[in-house]
Structures are given as structure tokens and as C-alpha cells.
Amino acid sequence: MADADDVRRLALSLPHVVEIDSDGFDFRVGNKGFVWSYPERLPGKPRVIRTDVAVLYVGDEAEKQALLLGEPDRFFTTPAYDGLPLVMLRLDTVDVARLAELVTDAWHMRAPADLLP
């Protein structure tokens, strides 16, 4: 089972990553976000930063749908993310090895070509 500390450790192990000050975690490469805490917004309530859920950049709608349909116990979305290549991941449903794969893939898709090894 993974948690926010695992996200932080994995993200910061990647080249050129910057952590943005937040109530949870928020990581960027080349000024582009690739993984951050889910800012849950429920109607009529203030926004809550959920560090048990990571928002991941997934590249495109096809990959997003593959994750949502293939592993609905792990991944979800909300109407606020419609049309965006982002999914939410319940951290307690993945092991650290799978989380490392997801975070690394997100980093690789967001890193500018001149920053890639």
C-alpha cells in the first residue's frame, strides 16, 4: 500500500523535479504538473486537499479511459476533469512498485525534451 510519503520520495528521485508549496504534495517538471494531491470539491463545502489520492497526468483520453475502465477500484475521475488527461489514483490500492511506474510515466510525458536523459 502506497501513501503520500511514497509519492514524494518517488517524484523527488526524478531529474529536474520541483515541489510546489501546498497543503499536500504538488510536483512539476519544466513548470508542468505531473502528480499532485487531489483537491476535492464537494458542493457547498470548502475544498479539501486529499493526500490519500494522487492526481496523475496520463497523456491522452485513450490512456485515461483504459485506466478508468480497466482498474475502476484504483482510478477515478470527476466532471471537473472531463476532457483533461488526468486521473485520480487511490494510493491505498497500489503498491510502491506500481506507483513508481505511474509517477515515472507521468514525469516522462510532462518533461520537456531538453530535460530528458
PDB file of N, CA and C in Angstrom:
ATOM      1  N   MET A   1       0.840  -1.183   0.000  1.00  0.00           N
ATOM      2  CA  MET A   1       0.000   0.000   0.000  1.00  0.00           C
ATOM      3  C   MET A   1       0.887   1.249   0.000  1.00  0.00           C
ATOM      4  N   ALA A   2       0.633   2.149  -0.930  1.00  0.00           N
ATOM      5  CA  ALA A   2       1.421   3.372  -1.064  1.00  0.00           C
ATOM      6  C   ALA A   2       0.749   4.518  -0.314  1.00  0.00           C
ATOM      7  N   ASP A   3       1.549   5.574  -0.062  1.00  0.00           N
ATOM      8  CA  ASP A   3       0.998   6.753   0.598  1.00  0.00           C
ATOM      9  C   ASP A   3       1.689   8.013   0.071  1.00  0.00           C
ATOM     10  N   ALA A   4       1.334   9.153   0.649  1.00  0.00           N
ATOM     11  CA  ALA A   4       1.871  10.440   0.192  1.00  0.00           C
ATOM     12  C   ALA A   4       3.388  10.505   0.322  1.00  0.00           C
ATOM     13  N   ASP A   5       3.953   9.889   1.354  1.00  0.00           N
ATOM     14  CA  ASP A   5       5.411   9.878   1.507  1.00  0.00           C
ATOM     15  C   ASP A   5       6.076   9.150   0.343  1.00  0.00           C
ATOM     16  N   ASP A   6       5.441   8.088  -0.129  1.00  0.00           N
ATOM     17  CA  ASP A   6       5.975   7.359  -1.288  1.00  0.00           C
ATOM     18  C   ASP A   6       5.922   8.226  -2.537  1.00  0.00           C
ATOM     19  N   VAL A   7       4.819   8.947  -2.722  1.00  0.00           N
ATOM     20  CA  VAL A   7       4.711   9.853  -3.877  1.00  0.00           C
ATOM     21  C   VAL A   7       5.849  10.862  -3.832  1.00  0.00           C
ATOM     22  N   ARG A   8       6.053  11.472  -2.685  1.00  0.00           N
ATOM     23  CA  ARG A   8       7.094  12.493  -2.528  1.00  0.00           C
ATOM     24  C   ARG A   8       8.473  11.901  -2.828  1.00  0.00           C
ATOM     25  N   ARG A   9       8.790  10.772  -2.250  1.00  0.00           N
ATOM     26  CA  ARG A   9      10.098  10.148  -2.455  1.00  0.00           C
ATOM     27  C   ARG A   9      10.322   9.808  -3.924  1.00  0.00           C
ATOM     28  N   LEU A  10       9.317   9.223  -4.564  1.00  0.00           N
ATOM     29  CA  LEU A  10       9.441   8.834  -5.966  1.00  0.00           C
ATOM     30  C   LEU A  10       9.563  10.044  -6.880  1.00  0.00           C
ATOM     31  N   ALA A  11       8.722  11.039  -6.670  1.00  0.00           N
ATOM     32  CA  ALA A  11       8.756  12.222  -7.528  1.00  0.00           C
ATOM     33  C   ALA A  11      10.094  12.957  -7.404  1.00  0.00           C
ATOM     34  N   LEU A  12      10.568  13.116  -6.188  1.00  0.00           N
ATOM     35  CA  LEU A  12      11.813  13.850  -5.983  1.00  0.00           C
ATOM     36  C   LEU A  12      13.042  13.074  -6.443  1.00  0.00           C
ATOM     37  N   SER A  13      12.895  11.785  -6.700  1.00  0.00           N
ATOM     38  CA  SER A  13      14.024  10.999  -7.204  1.00  0.00           C
ATOM     39  C   SER A  13      14.235  11.204  -8.711  1.00  0.00           C
ATOM     40  N   LEU A  14      13.276  11.836  -9.365  1.00  0.00           N
ATOM     41  CA  LEU A  14      13.351  12.054 -10.808  1.00  0.00           C
ATOM     42  C   LEU A  14      14.072  13.372 -11.109  1.00  0.00           C
ATOM     43  N   PRO A  15      14.772  13.446 -12.241  1.00  0.00           N
ATOM     44  CA  PRO A  15      15.537  14.650 -12.575  1.00  0.00           C
ATOM     45  C   PRO A  15      14.661  15.889 -12.778  1.00  0.00           C
ATOM     46  N   HIS A  16      15.171  17.018 -12.320  1.00  0.00           N
ATOM     47  CA  HIS A  16      14.591  18.344 -12.587  1.00  0.00           C
ATOM     48  C   HIS A  16      13.201  18.545 -11.984  1.00  0.00           C
ATOM     49  N   VAL A  17      12.872  17.794 -10.946  1.00  0.00           N
ATOM     50  CA  VAL A  17      11.555  17.921 -10.316  1.00  0.00           C
ATOM     51  C   VAL A  17      11.607  18.999  -9.235  1.00  0.00           C
ATOM     52  N   VAL A  18      10.543  19.797  -9.211  1.00  0.00           N
ATOM     53  CA  VAL A  18      10.377  20.840  -8.203  1.00  0.00           C
ATOM     54  C   VAL A  18       9.092  20.540  -7.443  1.00  0.00           C
ATOM     55  N   GLU A  19       9.161  20.650  -6.123  1.00  0.00           N
ATOM     56  CA  GLU A  19       7.953  20.516  -5.314  1.00  0.00           C
ATOM     57  C   GLU A  19       7.408  21.907  -5.036  1.00  0.00           C
ATOM     58  N   ILE A  20       6.134  22.105  -5.353  1.00  0.00           N
ATOM     59  CA  ILE A  20       5.449  23.365  -5.129  1.00  0.00           C
ATOM     60  C   ILE A  20       4.854  23.344  -3.723  1.00  0.00           C
ATOM     61  N   ASP A  21       4.963  24.447  -3.007  1.00  0.00           N
ATOM     62  CA  ASP A  21       4.400  24.539  -1.665  1.00  0.00           C
ATOM     63  C   ASP A  21       2.886  24.351  -1.730  1.00  0.00           C
ATOM     64  N   SER A  22       2.375  23.405  -0.956  1.00  0.00           N
ATOM     65  CA  SER A  22       0.934  23.153  -0.925  1.00  0.00           C
ATOM     66  C   SER A  22       0.582  22.476   0.394  1.00  0.00           C
ATOM     67  N   ASP A  23      -0.710  22.303   0.614  1.00  0.00           N
ATOM     68  CA  ASP A  23      -1.158  21.595   1.818  1.00  0.00           C
ATOM     69  C   ASP A  23      -0.957  20.086   1.702  1.00  0.00           C
ATOM     70  N   GLY A  24      -0.657  19.625   0.506  1.00  0.00           N
ATOM     71  CA  GLY A  24      -0.416  18.203   0.273  1.00  0.00           C
ATOM     72  C   GLY A  24       0.910  18.034  -0.430  1.00  0.00           C
ATOM     73  N   PHE A  25       0.850  17.477  -1.637  1.00  0.00           N
ATOM     74  CA  PHE A  25       2.037  17.373  -2.477  1.00  0.00           C
ATOM     75  C   PHE A  25       1.697  17.878  -3.869  1.00  0.00           C
ATOM     76  N   ASP A  26       2.692  18.439  -4.549  1.00  0.00           N
ATOM     77  CA  ASP A  26       2.483  19.017  -5.874  1.00  0.00           C
ATOM     78  C   ASP A  26       3.843  19.073  -6.552  1.00  0.00           C
ATOM     79  N   PHE A  27       4.023  18.267  -7.603  1.00  0.00           N
ATOM     80  CA  PHE A  27       5.319  18.150  -8.256  1.00  0.00           C
ATOM     81  C   PHE A  27       5.247  18.575  -9.717  1.00  0.00           C
ATOM     82  N   ARG A  28       6.282  19.293 -10.144  1.00  0.00           N
ATOM     83  CA  ARG A  28       6.361  19.814 -11.500  1.00  0.00           C
ATOM     84  C   ARG A  28       7.710  19.463 -12.109  1.00  0.00           C
ATOM     85  N   VAL A  29       7.707  19.383 -13.423  1.00  0.00           N
ATOM     86  CA  VAL A  29       8.944  19.270 -14.190  1.00  0.00           C
ATOM     87  C   VAL A  29       8.793  20.221 -15.372  1.00  0.00           C
ATOM     88  N   GLY A  30       9.779  21.094 -15.575  1.00  0.00           N
ATOM     89  CA  GLY A  30       9.669  22.084 -16.647  1.00  0.00           C
ATOM     90  C   GLY A  30       8.426  22.945 -16.506  1.00  0.00           C
ATOM     91  N   ASN A  31       8.056  23.296 -15.285  1.00  0.00           N
ATOM     92  CA  ASN A  31       6.869  24.108 -14.971  1.00  0.00           C
ATOM     93  C   ASN A  31       5.553  23.435 -15.328  1.00  0.00           C
ATOM     94  N   LYS A  32       5.553  22.119 -15.497  1.00  0.00           N
ATOM     95  CA  LYS A  32       4.331  21.378 -15.807  1.00  0.00           C
ATOM     96  C   LYS A  32       4.071  20.355 -14.710  1.00  0.00           C
ATOM     97  N   GLY A  33       2.844  20.371 -14.178  1.00  0.00           N
ATOM     98  CA  GLY A  33       2.485  19.417 -13.141  1.00  0.00           C
ATOM     99  C   GLY A  33       2.383  18.003 -13.690  1.00  0.00           C
ATOM    100  N   PHE A  34       2.851  17.031 -12.894  1.00  0.00           N
ATOM    101  CA  PHE A  34       2.704  15.640 -13.314  1.00  0.00           C
ATOM    102  C   PHE A  34       2.076  14.765 -12.238  1.00  0.00           C
ATOM    103  N   VAL A  35       2.161  15.155 -10.971  1.00  0.00           N
ATOM    104  CA  VAL A  35       1.449  14.452  -9.898  1.00  0.00           C
ATOM    105  C   VAL A  35       1.240  15.427  -8.739  1.00  0.00           C
ATOM    106  N   TRP A  36       0.004  15.438  -8.193  1.00  0.00           N
ATOM    107  CA  TRP A  36      -0.311  16.315  -7.070  1.00  0.00           C
ATOM    108  C   TRP A  36      -1.464  15.734  -6.268  1.00  0.00           C
ATOM    109  N   SER A  37      -1.662  16.279  -5.071  1.00  0.00           N
ATOM    110  CA  SER A  37      -2.763  15.863  -4.201  1.00  0.00           C
ATOM    111  C   SER A  37      -4.092  16.278  -4.816  1.00  0.00           C
ATOM    112  N   TYR A  38      -5.079  15.445  -4.628  1.00  0.00           N
ATOM    113  CA  TYR A  38      -6.407  15.707  -5.180  1.00  0.00           C
ATOM    114  C   TYR A  38      -7.123  16.799  -4.385  1.00  0.00           C
ATOM    115  N   PRO A  39      -7.463  17.928  -5.039  1.00  0.00           N
ATOM    116  CA  PRO A  39      -8.231  18.977  -4.371  1.00  0.00           C
ATOM    117  C   PRO A  39      -9.731  18.687  -4.496  1.00  0.00           C
ATOM    118  N   GLU A  40     -10.247  17.928  -3.556  1.00  0.00           N
ATOM    119  CA  GLU A  40     -11.653  17.517  -3.623  1.00  0.00           C
ATOM    120  C   GLU A  40     -12.570  18.718  -3.365  1.00  0.00           C
ATOM    121  N   ARG A  41     -13.550  18.842  -4.244  1.00  0.00           N
ATOM    122  CA  ARG A  41     -14.531  19.916  -4.120  1.00  0.00           C
ATOM    123  C   ARG A  41     -15.926  19.306  -4.081  1.00  0.00           C
ATOM    124  N   LEU A  42     -16.551  19.346  -2.919  1.00  0.00           N
ATOM    125  CA  LEU A  42     -17.915  18.862  -2.783  1.00  0.00           C
ATOM    126  C   LEU A  42     -18.852  20.062  -2.751  1.00  0.00           C
ATOM    127  N   PRO A  43     -20.011  19.956  -3.407  1.00  0.00           N
ATOM    128  CA  PRO A  43     -20.941  21.096  -3.454  1.00  0.00           C
ATOM    129  C   PRO A  43     -21.258  21.634  -2.057  1.00  0.00           C
ATOM    130  N   GLY A  44     -21.142  22.948  -1.924  1.00  0.00           N
ATOM    131  CA  GLY A  44     -21.487  23.601  -0.671  1.00  0.00           C
ATOM    132  C   GLY A  44     -20.456  23.461   0.433  1.00  0.00           C
ATOM    133  N   LYS A  45     -19.302  22.855   0.130  1.00  0.00           N
ATOM    134  CA  LYS A  45     -18.268  22.669   1.151  1.00  0.00           C
ATOM    135  C   LYS A  45     -16.947  23.240   0.645  1.00  0.00           C
ATOM    136  N   PRO A  46     -16.062  23.623   1.579  1.00  0.00           N
ATOM    137  CA  PRO A  46     -14.758  24.117   1.143  1.00  0.00           C
ATOM    138  C   PRO A  46     -13.910  23.004   0.532  1.00  0.00           C
ATOM    139  N   ARG A  47     -12.994  23.391  -0.318  1.00  0.00           N
ATOM    140  CA  ARG A  47     -12.081  22.433  -0.948  1.00  0.00           C
ATOM    141  C   ARG A  47     -11.243  21.754   0.130  1.00  0.00           C
ATOM    142  N   VAL A  48     -11.011  20.443  -0.054  1.00  0.00           N
ATOM    143  CA  VAL A  48     -10.200  19.652   0.867  1.00  0.00           C
ATOM    144  C   VAL A  48      -9.078  19.000   0.066  1.00  0.00           C
ATOM    145  N   ILE A  49      -7.844  19.200   0.510  1.00  0.00           N
ATOM    146  CA  ILE A  49      -6.704  18.566  -0.156  1.00  0.00           C
ATOM    147  C   ILE A  49      -6.586  17.146   0.369  1.00  0.00           C
ATOM    148  N   ARG A  50      -6.737  16.177  -0.532  1.00  0.00           N
ATOM    149  CA  ARG A  50      -6.701  14.755  -0.172  1.00  0.00           C
ATOM    150  C   ARG A  50      -5.326  14.178  -0.483  1.00  0.00           C
ATOM    151  N   THR A  51      -4.534  13.903   0.527  1.00  0.00           N
ATOM    152  CA  THR A  51      -3.214  13.325   0.304  1.00  0.00           C
ATOM    153  C   THR A  51      -3.263  11.807   0.160  1.00  0.00           C
ATOM    154  N   ASP A  52      -4.451  11.234   0.292  1.00  0.00           N
ATOM    155  CA  ASP A  52      -4.610   9.791   0.061  1.00  0.00           C
ATOM    156  C   ASP A  52      -4.979   9.501  -1.392  1.00  0.00           C
ATOM    157  N   VAL A  53      -5.128  10.565  -2.188  1.00  0.00           N
ATOM    158  CA  VAL A  53      -5.470  10.444  -3.606  1.00  0.00           C
ATOM    159  C   VAL A  53      -4.506  11.321  -4.410  1.00  0.00           C
ATOM    160  N   ALA A  54      -3.889  10.721  -5.416  1.00  0.00           N
ATOM    161  CA  ALA A  54      -2.975  11.460  -6.287  1.00  0.00           C
ATOM    162  C   ALA A  54      -3.647  11.724  -7.622  1.00  0.00           C
ATOM    163  N   VAL A  55      -3.464  12.932  -8.144  1.00  0.00           N
ATOM    164  CA  VAL A  55      -3.873  13.263  -9.497  1.00  0.00           C
ATOM    165  C   VAL A  55      -2.640  13.036 -10.369  1.00  0.00           C
ATOM    166  N   LEU A  56      -2.808  12.241 -11.422  1.00  0.00           N
ATOM    167  CA  LEU A  56      -1.704  11.888 -12.314  1.00  0.00           C
ATOM    168  C   LEU A  56      -1.986  12.331 -13.736  1.00  0.00           C
ATOM    169  N   TYR A  57      -0.977  12.880 -14.375  1.00  0.00           N
ATOM    170  CA  TYR A  57      -1.059  13.185 -15.797  1.00  0.00           C
ATOM    171  C   TYR A  57      -0.881  11.873 -16.556  1.00  0.00           C
ATOM    172  N   VAL A  58      -1.778  11.590 -17.509  1.00  0.00           N
ATOM    173  CA  VAL A  58      -1.718  10.308 -18.227  1.00  0.00           C
ATOM    174  C   VAL A  58      -1.533  10.459 -19.737  1.00  0.00           C
ATOM    175  N   GLY A  59      -1.428  11.656 -20.229  1.00  0.00           N
ATOM    176  CA  GLY A  59      -1.086  11.849 -21.639  1.00  0.00           C
ATOM    177  C   GLY A  59      -2.236  12.108 -22.578  1.00  0.00           C
ATOM    178  N   ASP A  60      -3.235  11.229 -22.571  1.00  0.00           N
ATOM    179  CA  ASP A  60      -4.348  11.428 -23.503  1.00  0.00           C
ATOM    180  C   ASP A  60      -5.606  10.726 -23.001  1.00  0.00           C
ATOM    181  N   GLU A  61      -6.703  10.993 -23.697  1.00  0.00           N
ATOM    182  CA  GLU A  61      -8.007  10.442 -23.309  1.00  0.00           C
ATOM    183  C   GLU A  61      -8.037   8.926 -23.407  1.00  0.00           C
ATOM    184  N   ALA A  62      -7.352   8.347 -24.382  1.00  0.00           N
ATOM    185  CA  ALA A  62      -7.350   6.884 -24.532  1.00  0.00           C
ATOM    186  C   ALA A  62      -6.723   6.212 -23.315  1.00  0.00           C
ATOM    187  N   GLU A  63      -5.593   6.740 -22.849  1.00  0.00           N
ATOM    188  CA  GLU A  63      -4.936   6.170 -21.666  1.00  0.00           C
ATOM    189  C   GLU A  63      -5.801   6.380 -20.426  1.00  0.00           C
ATOM    190  N   LYS A  64      -6.414   7.547 -20.339  1.00  0.00           N
ATOM    191  CA  LYS A  64      -7.308   7.833 -19.214  1.00  0.00           C
ATOM    192  C   LYS A  64      -8.436   6.810 -19.158  1.00  0.00           C
ATOM    193  N   GLN A  65      -9.091   6.586 -20.283  1.00  0.00           N
ATOM    194  CA  GLN A  65     -10.212   5.642 -20.315  1.00  0.00           C
ATOM    195  C   GLN A  65      -9.746   4.214 -20.038  1.00  0.00           C
ATOM    196  N   ALA A  66      -8.574   3.846 -20.539  1.00  0.00           N
ATOM    197  CA  ALA A  66      -8.054   2.499 -20.286  1.00  0.00           C
ATOM    198  C   ALA A  66      -7.861   2.274 -18.789  1.00  0.00           C
ATOM    199  N   LEU A  67      -7.321   3.253 -18.091  1.00  0.00           N
ATOM    200  CA  LEU A  67      -7.116   3.115 -16.643  1.00  0.00           C
ATOM    201  C   LEU A  67      -8.451   3.103 -15.897  1.00  0.00           C
ATOM    202  N   LEU A  68      -9.348   4.022 -16.261  1.00  0.00           N
ATOM    203  CA  LEU A  68     -10.644   4.101 -15.575  1.00  0.00           C
ATOM    204  C   LEU A  68     -11.465   2.830 -15.760  1.00  0.00           C
ATOM    205  N   LEU A  69     -11.481   2.302 -16.975  1.00  0.00           N
ATOM    206  CA  LEU A  69     -12.278   1.109 -17.260  1.00  0.00           C
ATOM    207  C   LEU A  69     -11.585  -0.171 -16.801  1.00  0.00           C
ATOM    208  N   GLY A  70     -10.256  -0.195 -16.905  1.00  0.00           N
ATOM    209  CA  GLY A  70      -9.508  -1.405 -16.570  1.00  0.00           C
ATOM    210  C   GLY A  70      -9.300  -1.623 -15.090  1.00  0.00           C
ATOM    211  N   GLU A  71      -9.246  -0.534 -14.326  1.00  0.00           N
ATOM    212  CA  GLU A  71      -8.984  -0.642 -12.887  1.00  0.00           C
ATOM    213  C   GLU A  71      -9.838   0.364 -12.109  1.00  0.00           C
ATOM    214  N   PRO A  72     -11.156   0.199 -12.162  1.00  0.00           N
ATOM    215  CA  PRO A  72     -12.034   1.180 -11.514  1.00  0.00           C
ATOM    216  C   PRO A  72     -11.907   1.228  -9.992  1.00  0.00           C
ATOM    217  N   ASP A  73     -11.330   0.195  -9.389  1.00  0.00           N
ATOM    218  CA  ASP A  73     -11.112   0.215  -7.943  1.00  0.00           C
ATOM    219  C   ASP A  73      -9.942   1.124  -7.564  1.00  0.00           C
ATOM    220  N   ARG A  74      -9.057   1.404  -8.532  1.00  0.00           N
ATOM    221  CA  ARG A  74      -7.878   2.232  -8.275  1.00  0.00           C
ATOM    222  C   ARG A  74      -8.020   3.657  -8.798  1.00  0.00           C
ATOM    223  N   PHE A  75      -8.594   3.790  -9.985  1.00  0.00           N
ATOM    224  CA  PHE A  75      -8.631   5.084 -10.670  1.00  0.00           C
ATOM    225  C   PHE A  75     -10.049   5.608 -10.766  1.00  0.00           C
ATOM    226  N   PHE A  76     -10.185   6.936 -10.681  1.00  0.00           N
ATOM    227  CA  PHE A  76     -11.490   7.562 -10.878  1.00  0.00           C
ATOM    228  C   PHE A  76     -11.283   8.955 -11.447  1.00  0.00           C
ATOM    229  N   THR A  77     -12.375   9.586 -11.805  1.00  0.00           N
ATOM    230  CA  THR A  77     -12.344  10.959 -12.293  1.00  0.00           C
ATOM    231  C   THR A  77     -13.580  11.673 -11.775  1.00  0.00           C
ATOM    232  N   THR A  78     -13.643  12.956 -12.039  1.00  0.00           N
ATOM    233  CA  THR A  78     -14.813  13.759 -11.682  1.00  0.00           C
ATOM    234  C   THR A  78     -15.138  14.651 -12.872  1.00  0.00           C
ATOM    235  N   PRO A  79     -16.335  15.217 -12.919  1.00  0.00           N
ATOM    236  CA  PRO A  79     -16.684  16.096 -14.035  1.00  0.00           C
ATOM    237  C   PRO A  79     -15.706  17.263 -14.217  1.00  0.00           C
ATOM    238  N   ALA A  80     -15.074  17.723 -13.144  1.00  0.00           N
ATOM    239  CA  ALA A  80     -14.117  18.825 -13.252  1.00  0.00           C
ATOM    240  C   ALA A  80     -12.904  18.450 -14.106  1.00  0.00           C
ATOM    241  N   TYR A  81     -12.654  17.162 -14.264  1.00  0.00           N
ATOM    242  CA  TYR A  81     -11.511  16.690 -15.049  1.00  0.00           C
ATOM    243  C   TYR A  81     -11.912  16.181 -16.425  1.00  0.00           C
ATOM    244  N   ASP A  82     -13.184  16.367 -16.803  1.00  0.00           N
ATOM    245  CA  ASP A  82     -13.620  15.945 -18.138  1.00  0.00           C
ATOM    246  C   ASP A  82     -12.798  16.668 -19.208  1.00  0.00           C
ATOM    247  N   GLY A  83     -12.347  15.908 -20.188  1.00  0.00           N
ATOM    248  CA  GLY A  83     -11.578  16.471 -21.280  1.00  0.00           C
ATOM    249  C   GLY A  83     -10.115  16.710 -20.966  1.00  0.00           C
ATOM    250  N   LEU A  84      -9.688  16.401 -19.754  1.00  0.00           N
ATOM    251  CA  LEU A  84      -8.291  16.580 -19.365  1.00  0.00           C
ATOM    252  C   LEU A  84      -7.624  15.212 -19.212  1.00  0.00           C
ATOM    253  N   PRO A  85      -6.353  15.092 -19.582  1.00  0.00           N
ATOM    254  CA  PRO A  85      -5.662  13.805 -19.490  1.00  0.00           C
ATOM    255  C   PRO A  85      -5.149  13.534 -18.075  1.00  0.00           C
ATOM    256  N   LEU A  86      -6.083  13.519 -17.122  1.00  0.00           N
ATOM    257  CA  LEU A  86      -5.760  13.342 -15.716  1.00  0.00           C
ATOM    258  C   LEU A  86      -6.666  12.291 -15.098  1.00  0.00           C
ATOM    259  N   VAL A  87      -6.103  11.490 -14.199  1.00  0.00           N
ATOM    260  CA  VAL A  87      -6.893  10.547 -13.410  1.00  0.00           C
ATOM    261  C   VAL A  87      -6.527  10.708 -11.951  1.00  0.00           C
ATOM    262  N   MET A  88      -7.423  10.295 -11.086  1.00  0.00           N
ATOM    263  CA  MET A  88      -7.162  10.259  -9.666  1.00  0.00           C
ATOM    264  C   MET A  88      -6.888   8.804  -9.289  1.00  0.00           C
ATOM    265  N   LEU A  89      -5.870   8.624  -8.453  1.00  0.00           N
ATOM    266  CA  LEU A  89      -5.444   7.308  -8.007  1.00  0.00           C
ATOM    267  C   LEU A  89      -5.598   7.202  -6.501  1.00  0.00           C
ATOM    268  N   ARG A  90      -6.334   6.197  -6.055  1.00  0.00           N
ATOM    269  CA  ARG A  90      -6.446   5.913  -4.621  1.00  0.00           C
ATOM    270  C   ARG A  90      -5.137   5.238  -4.200  1.00  0.00           C
ATOM    271  N   LEU A  91      -4.317   5.954  -3.451  1.00  0.00           N
ATOM    272  CA  LEU A  91      -2.979   5.464  -3.124  1.00  0.00           C
ATOM    273  C   LEU A  91      -2.987   4.155  -2.353  1.00  0.00           C
ATOM    274  N   ASP A  92      -3.989   3.936  -1.521  1.00  0.00           N
ATOM    275  CA  ASP A  92      -4.003   2.703  -0.725  1.00  0.00           C
ATOM    276  C   ASP A  92      -4.357   1.457  -1.536  1.00  0.00           C
ATOM    277  N   THR A  93      -4.555   1.629  -2.841  1.00  0.00           N
ATOM    278  CA  THR A  93      -4.888   0.478  -3.698  1.00  0.00           C
ATOM    279  C   THR A  93      -3.711   0.005  -4.550  1.00  0.00           C
ATOM    280  N   VAL A  94      -2.569   0.684  -4.431  1.00  0.00           N
ATOM    281  CA  VAL A  94      -1.405   0.301  -5.241  1.00  0.00           C
ATOM    282  C   VAL A  94      -0.199   0.045  -4.356  1.00  0.00           C
ATOM    283  N   ASP A  95       0.691  -0.802  -4.862  1.00  0.00           N
ATOM    284  CA  ASP A  95       1.957  -0.980  -4.153  1.00  0.00           C
ATOM    285  C   ASP A  95       2.950   0.053  -4.672  1.00  0.00           C
ATOM    286  N   VAL A  96       4.072   0.161  -4.002  1.00  0.00           N
ATOM    287  CA  VAL A  96       5.047   1.191  -4.343  1.00  0.00           C
ATOM    288  C   VAL A  96       5.629   0.976  -5.742  1.00  0.00           C
ATOM    289  N   ALA A  97       5.800  -0.263  -6.153  1.00  0.00           N
ATOM    290  CA  ALA A  97       6.340  -0.537  -7.491  1.00  0.00           C
ATOM    291  C   ALA A  97       5.409   0.001  -8.578  1.00  0.00           C
ATOM    292  N   ARG A  98       4.107  -0.228  -8.431  1.00  0.00           N
ATOM    293  CA  ARG A  98       3.148   0.287  -9.418  1.00  0.00           C
ATOM    294  C   ARG A  98       3.087   1.808  -9.367  1.00  0.00           C
ATOM    295  N   LEU A  99       3.133   2.369  -8.174  1.00  0.00           N
ATOM    296  CA  LEU A  99       3.138   3.820  -8.040  1.00  0.00           C
ATOM    297  C   LEU A  99       4.368   4.411  -8.732  1.00  0.00           C
ATOM    298  N   ALA A 100       5.509   3.776  -8.569  1.00  0.00           N
ATOM    299  CA  ALA A 100       6.738   4.254  -9.218  1.00  0.00           C
ATOM    300  C   ALA A 100       6.570   4.280 -10.735  1.00  0.00           C
ATOM    301  N   GLU A 101       5.953   3.248 -11.280  1.00  0.00           N
ATOM    302  CA  GLU A 101       5.705   3.187 -12.727  1.00  0.00           C
ATOM    303  C   GLU A 101       4.803   4.343 -13.173  1.00  0.00           C
ATOM    304  N   LEU A 102       3.738   4.589 -12.440  1.00  0.00           N
ATOM    305  CA  LEU A 102       2.781   5.627 -12.796  1.00  0.00           C
ATOM    306  C   LEU A 102       3.388   7.029 -12.685  1.00  0.00           C
ATOM    307  N   VAL A 103       4.118   7.273 -11.606  1.00  0.00           N
ATOM    308  CA  VAL A 103       4.736   8.582 -11.398  1.00  0.00           C
ATOM    309  C   VAL A 103       5.817   8.825 -12.454  1.00  0.00           C
ATOM    310  N   THR A 104       6.615   7.813 -12.736  1.00  0.00           N
ATOM    311  CA  THR A 104       7.670   7.948 -13.741  1.00  0.00           C
ATOM    312  C   THR A 104       7.078   8.190 -15.127  1.00  0.00           C
ATOM    313  N   ASP A 105       6.023   7.471 -15.470  1.00  0.00           N
ATOM    314  CA  ASP A 105       5.364   7.686 -16.759  1.00  0.00           C
ATOM    315  C   ASP A 105       4.824   9.110 -16.867  1.00  0.00           C
ATOM    316  N   ALA A 106       4.186   9.592 -15.793  1.00  0.00           N
ATOM    317  CA  ALA A 106       3.644  10.951 -15.800  1.00  0.00           C
ATOM    318  C   ALA A 106       4.769  11.973 -15.966  1.00  0.00           C
ATOM    319  N   TRP A 107       5.867  11.769 -15.237  1.00  0.00           N
ATOM    320  CA  TRP A 107       7.025  12.667 -15.358  1.00  0.00           C
ATOM    321  C   TRP A 107       7.550  12.680 -16.797  1.00  0.00           C
ATOM    322  N   HIS A 108       7.695  11.508 -17.362  1.00  0.00           N
ATOM    323  CA  HIS A 108       8.256  11.392 -18.709  1.00  0.00           C
ATOM    324  C   HIS A 108       7.386  12.105 -19.746  1.00  0.00           C
ATOM    325  N   MET A 109       6.076  12.029 -19.592  1.00  0.00           N
ATOM    326  CA  MET A 109       5.174  12.686 -20.539  1.00  0.00           C
ATOM    327  C   MET A 109       5.182  14.209 -20.397  1.00  0.00           C
ATOM    328  N   ARG A 110       5.510  14.710 -19.222  1.00  0.00           N
ATOM    329  CA  ARG A 110       5.471  16.152 -18.979  1.00  0.00           C
ATOM    330  C   ARG A 110       6.827  16.834 -19.112  1.00  0.00           C
ATOM    331  N   ALA A 111       7.904  16.079 -18.995  1.00  0.00           N
ATOM    332  CA  ALA A 111       9.239  16.680 -19.051  1.00  0.00           C
ATOM    333  C   ALA A 111       9.544  17.178 -20.464  1.00  0.00           C
ATOM    334  N   PRO A 112      10.010  18.417 -20.578  1.00  0.00           N
ATOM    335  CA  PRO A 112      10.422  18.916 -21.891  1.00  0.00           C
ATOM    336  C   PRO A 112      11.569  18.049 -22.443  1.00  0.00           C
ATOM    337  N   ALA A 113      11.630  17.933 -23.743  1.00  0.00           N
ATOM    338  CA  ALA A 113      12.638  17.075 -24.393  1.00  0.00           C
ATOM    339  C   ALA A 113      14.055  17.414 -23.968  1.00  0.00           C
ATOM    340  N   ASP A 114      14.339  18.699 -23.758  1.00  0.00           N
ATOM    341  CA  ASP A 114      15.708  19.073 -23.393  1.00  0.00           C
ATOM    342  C   ASP A 114      16.080  18.688 -21.963  1.00  0.00           C
ATOM    343  N   LEU A 115      15.096  18.265 -21.157  1.00  0.00           N
ATOM    344  CA  LEU A 115      15.375  17.808 -19.797  1.00  0.00           C
ATOM    345  C   LEU A 115      15.441  16.294 -19.676  1.00  0.00           C
ATOM    346  N   LEU A 116      15.029  15.592 -20.723  1.00  0.00           N
ATOM    347  CA  LEU A 116      15.022  14.132 -20.668  1.00  0.00           C
ATOM    348  C   LEU A 116      16.448  13.592 -20.761  1.00  0.00           C
ATOM    349  N   PRO A 117      16.707  12.508 -20.014  1.00  0.00           N
ATOM    350  CA  PRO A 117      18.060  11.927 -20.052  1.00  0.00           C
ATOM    351  C   PRO A 117      18.357  11.288 -21.394  1.00  0.00           C
TER     352      PRO A 117
END
